[in-house]
N, C-alpha and C. Protein backbone atom coordinates (compact mmCIF):
# COMPACT_ATOMS: atom_id res chain seq x y z
N MET A 1 32.86 209.20 140.66
CA MET A 1 33.45 207.93 140.62
C MET A 1 32.07 206.85 140.43
N LEU A 2 30.83 207.22 140.96
CA LEU A 2 29.91 205.81 140.83
C LEU A 2 29.52 206.02 139.48
N ALA A 3 29.42 207.01 138.64
CA ALA A 3 29.00 207.11 137.38
C ALA A 3 29.68 206.49 136.57
N ASN A 4 30.98 205.88 136.78
CA ASN A 4 31.79 205.06 135.89
C ASN A 4 31.80 203.86 136.36
N LEU A 5 30.89 203.33 137.22
CA LEU A 5 30.43 201.84 137.56
C LEU A 5 29.53 201.32 136.41
N PRO A 6 29.86 200.24 136.12
CA PRO A 6 28.94 199.58 135.13
C PRO A 6 27.40 199.43 135.85
N ASP A 7 26.49 199.50 135.02
CA ASP A 7 25.15 199.31 135.63
C ASP A 7 24.82 197.36 135.86
N GLN A 8 24.46 197.24 137.09
CA GLN A 8 24.45 195.91 137.65
C GLN A 8 23.34 195.28 136.92
N HIS A 9 22.26 196.02 136.63
CA HIS A 9 20.97 195.58 136.18
C HIS A 9 20.74 195.26 134.57
N LEU A 10 21.89 195.78 133.98
CA LEU A 10 22.04 195.26 132.61
C LEU A 10 22.97 194.19 132.32
N PRO A 11 22.21 193.05 131.56
CA PRO A 11 22.89 192.25 131.13
C PRO A 11 24.31 192.15 130.37
N GLU A 12 25.20 191.29 130.56
CA GLU A 12 26.29 191.49 129.79
C GLU A 12 26.03 191.47 128.52
N PRO A 13 26.97 191.67 127.58
CA PRO A 13 26.73 191.70 126.16
C PRO A 13 26.55 190.29 125.53
N ASP A 14 27.48 189.44 126.01
CA ASP A 14 27.34 188.10 125.50
C ASP A 14 26.63 187.20 126.29
N ALA A 15 25.75 187.83 127.24
CA ALA A 15 24.72 186.82 128.13
C ALA A 15 23.68 186.16 127.23
N LYS A 16 23.06 186.55 126.37
CA LYS A 16 21.96 185.89 125.24
C LYS A 16 22.84 184.90 124.57
N PRO A 17 23.81 184.93 123.96
CA PRO A 17 24.54 183.81 123.21
C PRO A 17 24.65 182.60 124.16
N ILE A 18 25.17 182.97 125.16
CA ILE A 18 25.56 181.91 126.18
C ILE A 18 24.35 181.42 126.65
N ALA A 19 23.25 182.01 127.10
CA ALA A 19 22.13 181.32 127.46
C ALA A 19 21.56 180.56 126.44
N GLU A 20 21.46 180.91 125.05
CA GLU A 20 21.05 179.98 124.20
C GLU A 20 21.85 178.73 123.98
N GLU A 21 23.15 179.11 123.70
CA GLU A 21 23.95 177.80 123.89
C GLU A 21 23.80 176.80 124.90
N ARG A 22 23.58 177.37 126.09
CA ARG A 22 23.35 176.43 127.38
C ARG A 22 22.07 175.68 127.41
N ALA A 23 21.05 176.60 126.79
CA ALA A 23 19.75 175.84 126.37
C ALA A 23 19.62 174.91 125.19
N ALA A 24 20.33 175.01 124.31
CA ALA A 24 20.58 173.94 123.36
C ALA A 24 21.34 172.95 123.72
N VAL A 25 22.21 172.91 124.90
CA VAL A 25 23.01 171.92 125.38
C VAL A 25 22.04 171.01 126.20
N VAL A 26 21.24 171.71 127.18
CA VAL A 26 20.31 170.95 127.83
C VAL A 26 19.14 170.25 126.95
N ARG A 27 18.75 171.02 125.86
CA ARG A 27 17.81 170.29 125.19
C ARG A 27 18.36 168.87 124.59
N ALA A 28 19.58 169.14 124.06
CA ALA A 28 20.31 167.72 123.33
C ALA A 28 20.36 166.88 124.55
N ALA A 29 20.70 167.38 125.84
CA ALA A 29 21.13 166.21 126.80
C ALA A 29 19.75 165.58 127.08
N TRP A 30 18.61 166.32 127.19
CA TRP A 30 17.30 165.82 127.59
C TRP A 30 16.85 165.00 126.71
N GLN A 31 16.98 165.27 125.44
CA GLN A 31 16.68 164.00 124.24
C GLN A 31 17.36 162.53 124.45
N ARG A 32 18.55 162.75 125.09
CA ARG A 32 19.37 161.47 125.19
C ARG A 32 18.77 160.53 126.35
N LEU A 33 18.06 161.25 127.28
CA LEU A 33 17.61 160.66 128.51
C LEU A 33 16.33 159.53 127.88
N SER A 34 16.22 158.54 128.56
CA SER A 34 15.03 157.76 128.44
C SER A 34 13.78 158.38 129.00
N PRO A 35 12.75 158.16 128.39
CA PRO A 35 11.38 158.68 128.69
C PRO A 35 11.19 158.58 130.11
N ARG A 36 11.47 157.40 130.66
CA ARG A 36 11.33 157.35 132.02
C ARG A 36 12.03 158.22 133.21
N CYS A 37 13.41 158.51 132.57
CA CYS A 37 13.92 159.43 133.38
C CYS A 37 13.66 161.22 132.82
N GLN A 38 12.92 161.41 131.77
CA GLN A 38 12.40 162.52 131.27
C GLN A 38 11.24 162.70 132.53
N GLU A 39 10.40 161.76 132.63
CA GLU A 39 9.47 162.08 133.38
C GLU A 39 9.58 162.19 134.73
N LEU A 40 10.56 161.23 135.33
CA LEU A 40 11.07 161.69 136.74
C LEU A 40 11.58 162.92 137.08
N LEU A 41 12.39 163.33 136.11
CA LEU A 41 13.05 164.90 136.29
C LEU A 41 11.67 165.80 135.98
N SER A 42 10.61 165.62 135.32
CA SER A 42 9.71 166.73 135.03
C SER A 42 9.17 166.78 136.35
N LEU A 43 8.47 165.47 136.93
CA LEU A 43 7.68 165.59 137.89
C LEU A 43 8.70 166.25 139.35
N LEU A 44 10.14 166.05 139.40
CA LEU A 44 11.01 166.67 140.46
C LEU A 44 11.10 168.18 140.27
N MET A 45 10.70 168.63 138.82
CA MET A 45 10.82 170.20 138.54
C MET A 45 9.47 171.14 139.00
N VAL A 46 8.36 170.50 139.38
CA VAL A 46 7.41 171.22 139.36
C VAL A 46 7.43 172.07 140.57
N ASP A 47 6.73 173.00 140.80
CA ASP A 47 6.91 173.83 141.96
C ASP A 47 6.74 173.32 143.22
N ASP A 48 5.73 172.09 143.28
CA ASP A 48 5.21 171.42 144.54
C ASP A 48 5.23 169.98 144.19
N PRO A 49 6.72 169.60 144.44
CA PRO A 49 6.89 168.32 143.97
C PRO A 49 6.47 167.13 144.74
N LEU A 50 6.18 165.96 144.10
CA LEU A 50 5.73 165.20 145.21
C LEU A 50 6.83 164.32 146.06
N SER A 51 6.40 163.82 146.94
CA SER A 51 7.47 162.93 147.88
C SER A 51 8.10 162.07 147.31
N TYR A 52 9.33 161.49 147.61
CA TYR A 52 10.02 160.61 146.99
C TYR A 52 8.98 159.22 147.11
N LYS A 53 8.31 159.10 148.20
CA LYS A 53 7.58 157.96 148.40
C LYS A 53 6.50 157.71 147.30
N ASP A 54 5.79 159.11 147.25
CA ASP A 54 4.64 159.28 146.17
C ASP A 54 5.31 159.16 144.78
N LEU A 55 6.46 159.40 144.60
CA LEU A 55 7.13 159.40 143.25
C LEU A 55 7.33 158.08 142.99
N SER A 56 7.67 157.12 143.77
CA SER A 56 7.94 155.78 143.71
C SER A 56 6.59 154.96 143.31
N GLU A 57 5.90 155.36 143.87
CA GLU A 57 4.50 154.61 143.88
C GLU A 57 3.80 155.04 142.43
N LEU A 58 4.04 156.30 141.96
CA LEU A 58 3.54 156.67 140.85
C LEU A 58 4.44 156.42 139.49
N LEU A 59 5.65 156.23 139.58
CA LEU A 59 6.67 155.43 138.58
C LEU A 59 6.89 153.97 138.85
């Protein structure tokens, strides 16, 4: 019975096209942001983000 279950470690067949489409949509949305917003989001997405106070002083 267990042999008939799908392998949970394998990606779905349509996972790559969906991920590529999602990445394209995110890139297009990113390009529509102002440079200031892009900078803010970039600073917020780092592994060790600055505090909001430090961000406000920096920006």
